[in-house]
Amino acid sequence: MVILLALFMALITIVLLLILVIIIVVSVIKKKPFPRKMLLATLSCVLLLGSTIIYERYFFTFEEINRAHVQDGPGPIESPDETYSASAYYEPYGGAAGGVNVWIEVVNHANNDQMKIIYYSDVKQDFQMDWVDDETLEIENNDPRYQNQDRSVTLDVTSEIYHDRGDACRSWVLKQDYDDCYEADL
């Protein structure tokens, strides 16, 4: 939703910039006063667009996950000491020609069942997860046909996170929830 708003604002800003340039050229040719109101409106749109882009980039949370069409994936699977459980969920996008995202939520049973997302990516052909030890989750997410699309990772669920596009790594909001953040090498 925010992306659509940013695209709409970008379109309006471009149109206003073109109109401003035309009005400035006309005012110089006809020796009319400088179009201050138009300049102010254009600068306001540029400022609003910039603010939206900064918000989308640095204040990312997982709130935009479309939970209305969520499908359950593997899990919940318990950690060996049963302190944590991990569940995967699938989020289809783009209709028939689209794809599927996968995210993994970990529940900390020792801390009032606190939940947090530790993994988010496009799902590949082979997807599975398994506990290595009490706090380490191994996630396999790859397609043997395309070696450059391997999204597999091993995470310490207490302090690490993976987001394939790196949005969580740039987020100032999520920085307090992890020590290390990983993203795909695109």
C-alpha atoms as a PDB file:
ATOM      1  CA  MET A   1       0.000   0.000   0.000  1.00  0.00           C
ATOM      2  CA  VAL A   2       2.776   2.421   0.897  1.00  0.00           C
ATOM      3  CA  ILE A   3       4.577   1.561  -2.343  1.00  0.00           C
ATOM      4  CA  LEU A   4       1.486   2.420  -4.384  1.00  0.00           C
ATOM      5  CA  LEU A   5       1.175   5.695  -2.508  1.00  0.00           C
ATOM      6  CA  ALA A   6       4.849   6.484  -3.209  1.00  0.00           C
ATOM      7  CA  LEU A   7       4.406   5.703  -6.918  1.00  0.00           C
ATOM      8  CA  PHE A   8       1.313   7.910  -7.090  1.00  0.00           C
ATOM      9  CA  MET A   9       3.164  10.724  -5.311  1.00  0.00           C
ATOM     10  CA  ALA A  10       6.140  10.302  -7.672  1.00  0.00           C
ATOM     11  CA  LEU A  11       3.826  10.647 -10.670  1.00  0.00           C
ATOM     12  CA  ILE A  12       2.224  13.788  -9.243  1.00  0.00           C
ATOM     13  CA  THR A  13       5.657  15.241  -8.429  1.00  0.00           C
ATOM     14  CA  ILE A  14       6.920  14.625 -11.970  1.00  0.00           C
ATOM     15  CA  VAL A  15       3.826  16.224 -13.465  1.00  0.00           C
ATOM     16  CA  LEU A  16       4.183  19.244 -11.154  1.00  0.00           C
ATOM     17  CA  LEU A  17       7.875  19.579 -12.037  1.00  0.00           C
ATOM     18  CA  LEU A  18       7.058  19.565 -15.755  1.00  0.00           C
ATOM     19  CA  ILE A  19       4.304  22.148 -15.264  1.00  0.00           C
ATOM     20  CA  LEU A  20       6.657  24.275 -13.125  1.00  0.00           C
ATOM     21  CA  VAL A  21       9.347  24.224 -15.815  1.00  0.00           C
ATOM     22  CA  ILE A  22       6.813  25.203 -18.489  1.00  0.00           C
ATOM     23  CA  ILE A  23       5.423  28.032 -16.327  1.00  0.00           C
ATOM     24  CA  ILE A  24       8.945  29.306 -15.546  1.00  0.00           C
ATOM     25  CA  VAL A  25       9.868  29.305 -19.255  1.00  0.00           C
ATOM     26  CA  VAL A  26       6.620  31.109 -20.129  1.00  0.00           C
ATOM     27  CA  SER A  27       7.117  33.648 -17.319  1.00  0.00           C
ATOM     28  CA  VAL A  28      10.672  34.396 -18.472  1.00  0.00           C
ATOM     29  CA  ILE A  29       9.625  34.765 -22.130  1.00  0.00           C
ATOM     30  CA  LYS A  30       6.587  36.934 -21.361  1.00  0.00           C
ATOM     31  CA  LYS A  31       8.346  38.702 -18.451  1.00  0.00           C
ATOM     32  CA  LYS A  32       5.656  37.685 -15.936  1.00  0.00           C
ATOM     33  CA  PRO A  33       6.255  37.291 -12.175  1.00  0.00           C
ATOM     34  CA  PHE A  34       7.941  34.132 -10.911  1.00  0.00           C
ATOM     35  CA  PRO A  35       5.366  31.360 -10.115  1.00  0.00           C
ATOM     36  CA  ARG A  36       5.928  31.133  -6.324  1.00  0.00           C
ATOM     37  CA  LYS A  37       2.778  29.126  -5.564  1.00  0.00           C
ATOM     38  CA  MET A  38       3.627  26.509  -8.155  1.00  0.00           C
ATOM     39  CA  LEU A  39       7.197  26.293  -6.847  1.00  0.00           C
ATOM     40  CA  LEU A  40       5.879  25.848  -3.300  1.00  0.00           C
ATOM     41  CA  ALA A  41       3.440  23.111  -4.389  1.00  0.00           C
ATOM     42  CA  THR A  42       6.178  21.262  -6.275  1.00  0.00           C
ATOM     43  CA  LEU A  43       8.652  21.513  -3.402  1.00  0.00           C
ATOM     44  CA  SER A  44       5.947  20.262  -1.013  1.00  0.00           C
ATOM     45  CA  CYS A  45       5.400  17.194  -3.214  1.00  0.00           C
ATOM     46  CA  VAL A  46       9.147  16.546  -3.432  1.00  0.00           C
ATOM     47  CA  LEU A  47       9.422  16.789   0.359  1.00  0.00           C
ATOM     48  CA  LEU A  48       6.426  14.490   0.893  1.00  0.00           C
ATOM     49  CA  LEU A  49       7.761  11.954  -1.604  1.00  0.00           C
ATOM     50  CA  GLY A  50      11.192  12.016   0.027  1.00  0.00           C
ATOM     51  CA  SER A  51       9.643  11.527   3.457  1.00  0.00           C
ATOM     52  CA  THR A  52       7.648   8.550   2.212  1.00  0.00           C
ATOM     53  CA  ILE A  53      10.739   6.933   0.682  1.00  0.00           C
ATOM     54  CA  ILE A  54      12.740   7.459   3.886  1.00  0.00           C
ATOM     55  CA  TYR A  55       9.882   6.055   5.975  1.00  0.00           C
ATOM     56  CA  GLU A  56       9.541   2.973   3.758  1.00  0.00           C
ATOM     57  CA  ARG A  57      13.287   2.335   3.769  1.00  0.00           C
ATOM     58  CA  TYR A  58      14.283   2.991   7.384  1.00  0.00           C
ATOM     59  CA  PHE A  59      11.100   2.299   9.350  1.00  0.00           C
ATOM     60  CA  PHE A  60      10.369  -1.150   7.900  1.00  0.00           C
ATOM     61  CA  THR A  61       8.414  -3.638   9.991  1.00  0.00           C
ATOM     62  CA  PHE A  62       6.751  -6.856   8.981  1.00  0.00           C
ATOM     63  CA  GLU A  63       3.300  -5.259   9.368  1.00  0.00           C
ATOM     64  CA  GLU A  64       2.725  -5.224   5.600  1.00  0.00           C
ATOM     65  CA  ILE A  65       2.587  -9.013   5.382  1.00  0.00           C
ATOM     66  CA  ASN A  66      -0.764  -9.895   3.843  1.00  0.00           C
ATOM     67  CA  ARG A  67      -2.097 -12.149   6.598  1.00  0.00           C
ATOM     68  CA  ALA A  68      -5.523 -12.429   4.943  1.00  0.00           C
ATOM     69  CA  HIS A  69      -4.272 -15.006   2.436  1.00  0.00           C
ATOM     70  CA  VAL A  70      -1.691 -16.754   4.612  1.00  0.00           C
ATOM     71  CA  GLN A  71      -1.153 -20.472   4.260  1.00  0.00           C
ATOM     72  CA  ASP A  72       0.425 -22.571   6.990  1.00  0.00           C
ATOM     73  CA  GLY A  73       3.815 -24.043   6.205  1.00  0.00           C
ATOM     74  CA  PRO A  74       5.958 -26.452   8.183  1.00  0.00           C
ATOM     75  CA  GLY A  75       5.707 -26.242  11.947  1.00  0.00           C
ATOM     76  CA  PRO A  76       5.456 -25.580  14.664  1.00  0.00           C
ATOM     77  CA  ILE A  77       8.626 -27.486  15.426  1.00  0.00           C
ATOM     78  CA  GLU A  78      10.010 -27.377  18.942  1.00  0.00           C
ATOM     79  CA  SER A  79      13.633 -26.659  19.817  1.00  0.00           C
ATOM     80  CA  PRO A  80      15.405 -29.571  21.564  1.00  0.00           C
ATOM     81  CA  ASP A  81      14.871 -28.011  25.017  1.00  0.00           C
ATOM     82  CA  GLU A  82      11.323 -26.844  24.023  1.00  0.00           C
ATOM     83  CA  THR A  83      12.118 -23.209  24.841  1.00  0.00           C
ATOM     84  CA  TYR A  84      11.336 -22.130  21.272  1.00  0.00           C
ATOM     85  CA  SER A  85       9.015 -23.242  18.519  1.00  0.00           C
ATOM     86  CA  ALA A  86       9.314 -22.211  14.880  1.00  0.00           C
ATOM     87  CA  SER A  87       6.489 -22.026  12.331  1.00  0.00           C
ATOM     88  CA  ALA A  88       6.658 -21.143   8.648  1.00  0.00           C
ATOM     89  CA  TYR A  89       3.901 -19.333   6.762  1.00  0.00           C
ATOM     90  CA  TYR A  90       3.359 -18.800   3.048  1.00  0.00           C
ATOM     91  CA  GLU A  91       2.107 -15.558   1.513  1.00  0.00           C
ATOM     92  CA  PRO A  92       1.028 -15.799  -2.155  1.00  0.00           C
ATOM     93  CA  TYR A  93       1.399 -12.628  -4.209  1.00  0.00           C
ATOM     94  CA  GLY A  94       0.771 -11.480  -7.765  1.00  0.00           C
ATOM     95  CA  GLY A  95      -2.071 -13.822  -8.704  1.00  0.00           C
ATOM     96  CA  ALA A  96      -1.521 -16.653 -11.182  1.00  0.00           C
ATOM     97  CA  ALA A  97       1.754 -15.223 -12.496  1.00  0.00           C
ATOM     98  CA  GLY A  98       3.075 -14.295  -9.045  1.00  0.00           C
ATOM     99  CA  GLY A  99       4.970 -16.239  -6.455  1.00  0.00           C
ATOM    100  CA  VAL A 100       5.026 -17.085  -2.786  1.00  0.00           C
ATOM    101  CA  ASN A 101       6.892 -15.496   0.113  1.00  0.00           C
ATOM    102  CA  VAL A 102       7.757 -17.459   3.221  1.00  0.00           C
ATOM    103  CA  TRP A 103       8.405 -16.175   6.703  1.00  0.00           C
ATOM    104  CA  ILE A 104       9.323 -17.932   9.915  1.00  0.00           C
ATOM    105  CA  GLU A 105       8.003 -16.880  13.302  1.00  0.00           C
ATOM    106  CA  VAL A 106       9.744 -18.071  16.425  1.00  0.00           C
ATOM    107  CA  VAL A 107       7.850 -18.225  19.717  1.00  0.00           C
ATOM    108  CA  ASN A 108       9.866 -17.924  22.937  1.00  0.00           C
ATOM    109  CA  HIS A 109       7.932 -20.016  25.461  1.00  0.00           C
ATOM    110  CA  ALA A 110      10.247 -18.937  28.311  1.00  0.00           C
ATOM    111  CA  ASN A 111       9.324 -15.273  27.710  1.00  0.00           C
ATOM    112  CA  ASN A 112       5.482 -15.217  27.766  1.00  0.00           C
ATOM    113  CA  ASP A 113       5.248 -16.766  24.269  1.00  0.00           C
ATOM    114  CA  GLN A 114       6.838 -13.699  22.700  1.00  0.00           C
ATOM    115  CA  MET A 115       6.810 -14.011  18.898  1.00  0.00           C
ATOM    116  CA  LYS A 116       9.215 -12.550  16.373  1.00  0.00           C
ATOM    117  CA  ILE A 117       9.875 -13.015  12.685  1.00  0.00           C
ATOM    118  CA  ILE A 118      13.434 -14.158  12.025  1.00  0.00           C
ATOM    119  CA  TYR A 119      13.273 -15.082   8.316  1.00  0.00           C
ATOM    120  CA  TYR A 120      11.568 -13.644   5.213  1.00  0.00           C
ATOM    121  CA  SER A 121      12.168 -14.578   1.567  1.00  0.00           C
ATOM    122  CA  ASP A 122      10.685 -15.859  -1.668  1.00  0.00           C
ATOM    123  CA  VAL A 123      10.075 -19.567  -1.227  1.00  0.00           C
ATOM    124  CA  LYS A 124      12.089 -21.823  -3.521  1.00  0.00           C
ATOM    125  CA  GLN A 125      11.480 -25.432  -4.594  1.00  0.00           C
ATOM    126  CA  ASP A 126      13.155 -27.032  -1.552  1.00  0.00           C
ATOM    127  CA  PHE A 127      12.077 -25.474   1.735  1.00  0.00           C
ATOM    128  CA  GLN A 128      12.521 -26.984   5.169  1.00  0.00           C
ATOM    129  CA  MET A 129      13.719 -26.026   8.613  1.00  0.00           C
ATOM    130  CA  ASP A 130      15.256 -27.974  11.465  1.00  0.00           C
ATOM    131  CA  TRP A 131      16.763 -27.176  14.874  1.00  0.00           C
ATOM    132  CA  VAL A 132      20.550 -27.607  15.104  1.00  0.00           C
ATOM    133  CA  ASP A 133      20.574 -26.980  18.856  1.00  0.00           C
ATOM    134  CA  ASP A 134      18.474 -25.187  21.476  1.00  0.00           C
ATOM    135  CA  GLU A 135      18.845 -21.732  19.883  1.00  0.00           C
ATOM    136  CA  THR A 136      19.971 -22.412  16.294  1.00  0.00           C
ATOM    137  CA  LEU A 137      17.555 -22.976  13.424  1.00  0.00           C
ATOM    138  CA  GLU A 138      18.758 -24.238  10.048  1.00  0.00           C
ATOM    139  CA  ILE A 139      16.618 -23.087   7.131  1.00  0.00           C
ATOM    140  CA  GLU A 140      16.946 -24.636   3.697  1.00  0.00           C
ATOM    141  CA  ASN A 141      15.348 -22.615   0.926  1.00  0.00           C
ATOM    142  CA  ASN A 142      16.830 -23.278  -2.488  1.00  0.00           C
ATOM    143  CA  ASP A 143      16.140 -24.488  -5.977  1.00  0.00           C
ATOM    144  CA  PRO A 144      18.707 -27.000  -7.280  1.00  0.00           C
ATOM    145  CA  ARG A 145      18.176 -25.696 -10.833  1.00  0.00           C
ATOM    146  CA  TYR A 146      19.288 -22.169  -9.875  1.00  0.00           C
ATOM    147  CA  GLN A 147      22.336 -22.081  -7.599  1.00  0.00           C
ATOM    148  CA  ASN A 148      22.362 -18.263  -7.457  1.00  0.00           C
ATOM    149  CA  GLN A 149      18.922 -18.245  -5.798  1.00  0.00           C
ATOM    150  CA  ASP A 150      19.884 -20.168  -2.663  1.00  0.00           C
ATOM    151  CA  ARG A 151      18.242 -18.490   0.338  1.00  0.00           C
ATOM    152  CA  SER A 152      19.389 -21.063   2.911  1.00  0.00           C
ATOM    153  CA  VAL A 153      20.789 -19.850   6.224  1.00  0.00           C
ATOM    154  CA  THR A 154      21.472 -20.978   9.776  1.00  0.00           C
ATOM    155  CA  LEU A 155      20.244 -18.485  12.392  1.00  0.00           C
ATOM    156  CA  ASP A 156      20.656 -17.999  16.116  1.00  0.00           C
ATOM    157  CA  VAL A 157      17.006 -17.279  16.946  1.00  0.00           C
ATOM    158  CA  THR A 158      17.968 -15.057  19.888  1.00  0.00           C
ATOM    159  CA  SER A 159      19.987 -12.515  17.927  1.00  0.00           C
ATOM    160  CA  GLU A 160      19.898 -13.005  14.138  1.00  0.00           C
ATOM    161  CA  ILE A 161      17.464 -12.251  11.323  1.00  0.00           C
ATOM    162  CA  TYR A 162      17.337 -12.818   7.554  1.00  0.00           C
ATOM    163  CA  HIS A 163      15.465 -10.746   4.996  1.00  0.00           C
ATOM    164  CA  ASP A 164      16.209 -11.582   1.370  1.00  0.00           C
ATOM    165  CA  ARG A 165      15.946  -7.969   0.139  1.00  0.00           C
ATOM    166  CA  GLY A 166      17.647  -6.518   3.228  1.00  0.00           C
ATOM    167  CA  ASP A 167      14.707  -4.364   4.324  1.00  0.00           C
ATOM    168  CA  ALA A 168      14.971  -5.620   7.919  1.00  0.00           C
ATOM    169  CA  CYS A 169      18.720  -4.926   7.906  1.00  0.00           C
ATOM    170  CA  ARG A 170      18.177  -1.234   7.085  1.00  0.00           C
ATOM    171  CA  SER A 171      15.248  -0.764   9.461  1.00  0.00           C
ATOM    172  CA  TRP A 172      15.935   1.484  12.433  1.00  0.00           C
ATOM    173  CA  VAL A 173      12.843   0.025  14.112  1.00  0.00           C
ATOM    174  CA  LEU A 174      14.048  -3.593  13.968  1.00  0.00           C
ATOM    175  CA  LYS A 175      17.697  -2.877  14.901  1.00  0.00           C
ATOM    176  CA  GLN A 176      16.903  -3.426  18.591  1.00  0.00           C
ATOM    177  CA  ASP A 177      15.583  -6.954  17.895  1.00  0.00           C
ATOM    178  CA  TYR A 178      18.764  -8.519  16.498  1.00  0.00           C
ATOM    179  CA  ASP A 179      22.568  -8.333  16.559  1.00  0.00           C
ATOM    180  CA  ASP A 180      23.226  -9.676  13.053  1.00  0.00           C
ATOM    181  CA  CYS A 181      21.142  -9.332   9.919  1.00  0.00           C
ATOM    182  CA  TYR A 182      21.633 -11.227   6.678  1.00  0.00           C
ATOM    183  CA  GLU A 183      20.347 -10.652   3.169  1.00  0.00           C
ATOM    184  CA  ALA A 184      20.616 -12.395  -0.185  1.00  0.00           C
ATOM    185  CA  ASP A 185      23.510 -11.660  -2.512  1.00  0.00           C
ATOM    186  CA  LEU A 186      21.504 -10.454  -5.481  1.00  0.00           C
END
